[in-house]
Amino acid sequence: MAAAGSISVVLVRWPVVIAPESRHEDRYREVARLRDLGVSVRYTWAPLAASNGETR
């Protein structure tokens, strides 16, 4: 959907939804890929929503 331009925002509660904690390095790659496609990743869990960004 992101590649087709059908979405512009992905809402998730926790980063583990994007990639499990055991593969956390994949999370950064996938978030970057979404951003490259013009899609924002937004978190709904209050502590992450405050920054609403994935940081390393």
C-alpha atoms as a PDB file:
ATOM      1  CA  MET A   1       0.000   0.000   0.000  1.00  0.00           C
ATOM      2  CA  ALA A   2       2.841   2.380   0.792  1.00  0.00           C
ATOM      3  CA  ALA A   3       4.595   1.665  -2.500  1.00  0.00           C
ATOM      4  CA  ALA A   4       1.346   2.256  -4.384  1.00  0.00           C
ATOM      5  CA  GLY A   5       0.855   5.606  -2.650  1.00  0.00           C
ATOM      6  CA  SER A   6      -2.387   4.428  -1.052  1.00  0.00           C
ATOM      7  CA  ILE A   7      -1.395   5.501   2.465  1.00  0.00           C
ATOM      8  CA  SER A   8       0.430   8.460   3.934  1.00  0.00           C
ATOM      9  CA  VAL A   9       0.513   7.553   7.642  1.00  0.00           C
ATOM     10  CA  VAL A  10       1.007   4.325   9.601  1.00  0.00           C
ATOM     11  CA  LEU A  11      -0.332   4.331  13.166  1.00  0.00           C
ATOM     12  CA  VAL A  12       1.089   1.787  15.604  1.00  0.00           C
ATOM     13  CA  ARG A  13       1.017   1.558  19.372  1.00  0.00           C
ATOM     14  CA  TRP A  14       4.567   0.278  19.833  1.00  0.00           C
ATOM     15  CA  PRO A  15       7.617  -0.101  17.576  1.00  0.00           C
ATOM     16  CA  VAL A  16       7.473  -3.876  18.132  1.00  0.00           C
ATOM     17  CA  VAL A  17       4.542  -3.899  15.695  1.00  0.00           C
ATOM     18  CA  ILE A  18       6.958  -2.923  12.934  1.00  0.00           C
ATOM     19  CA  ALA A  19       9.562  -5.527  13.924  1.00  0.00           C
ATOM     20  CA  PRO A  20       9.864  -7.731  16.997  1.00  0.00           C
ATOM     21  CA  GLU A  21      12.271  -6.672  19.721  1.00  0.00           C
ATOM     22  CA  SER A  22      14.505  -9.603  18.822  1.00  0.00           C
ATOM     23  CA  ARG A  23      14.935  -8.023  15.357  1.00  0.00           C
ATOM     24  CA  HIS A  24      14.874  -4.369  16.370  1.00  0.00           C
ATOM     25  CA  GLU A  25      17.427  -3.462  13.678  1.00  0.00           C
ATOM     26  CA  ASP A  26      14.764  -4.312  11.072  1.00  0.00           C
ATOM     27  CA  ARG A  27      12.523  -1.667  12.596  1.00  0.00           C
ATOM     28  CA  TYR A  28      14.840   1.156  11.569  1.00  0.00           C
ATOM     29  CA  ARG A  29      15.147  -0.186   8.044  1.00  0.00           C
ATOM     30  CA  GLU A  30      11.372  -0.529   7.648  1.00  0.00           C
ATOM     31  CA  VAL A  31      10.640   2.913   9.116  1.00  0.00           C
ATOM     32  CA  ALA A  32      13.235   4.414   6.755  1.00  0.00           C
ATOM     33  CA  ARG A  33      11.699   2.553   3.836  1.00  0.00           C
ATOM     34  CA  LEU A  34       8.260   3.910   4.690  1.00  0.00           C
ATOM     35  CA  ARG A  35       9.645   7.433   5.010  1.00  0.00           C
ATOM     36  CA  ASP A  36      11.374   7.080   1.632  1.00  0.00           C
ATOM     37  CA  LEU A  37       7.940   6.278   0.209  1.00  0.00           C
ATOM     38  CA  GLY A  38       6.499   9.411   1.811  1.00  0.00           C
ATOM     39  CA  VAL A  39       4.740   7.606   4.662  1.00  0.00           C
ATOM     40  CA  SER A  40       4.908   8.880   8.247  1.00  0.00           C
ATOM     41  CA  VAL A  41       5.100   6.419  11.123  1.00  0.00           C
ATOM     42  CA  ARG A  42       3.184   7.679  14.156  1.00  0.00           C
ATOM     43  CA  TYR A  43       2.927   6.060  17.566  1.00  0.00           C
ATOM     44  CA  THR A  44      -0.235   6.064  19.664  1.00  0.00           C
ATOM     45  CA  TRP A  45       1.366   5.043  22.996  1.00  0.00           C
ATOM     46  CA  ALA A  46       1.729   8.266  25.001  1.00  0.00           C
ATOM     47  CA  PRO A  47       5.508   8.148  25.724  1.00  0.00           C
ATOM     48  CA  LEU A  48       6.309   7.551  22.057  1.00  0.00           C
ATOM     49  CA  ALA A  49       3.549   9.801  20.753  1.00  0.00           C
ATOM     50  CA  ALA A  50       5.157  12.720  22.570  1.00  0.00           C
ATOM     51  CA  SER A  51       8.174  12.476  20.285  1.00  0.00           C
ATOM     52  CA  ASN A  52       6.378  10.680  17.428  1.00  0.00           C
ATOM     53  CA  GLY A  53       9.626   9.673  15.889  1.00  0.00           C
ATOM     54  CA  GLU A  54      11.745   6.593  15.746  1.00  0.00           C
ATOM     55  CA  THR A  55      15.196   7.381  17.047  1.00  0.00           C
ATOM     56  CA  ARG A  56      18.235   5.175  17.254  1.00  0.00           C
END
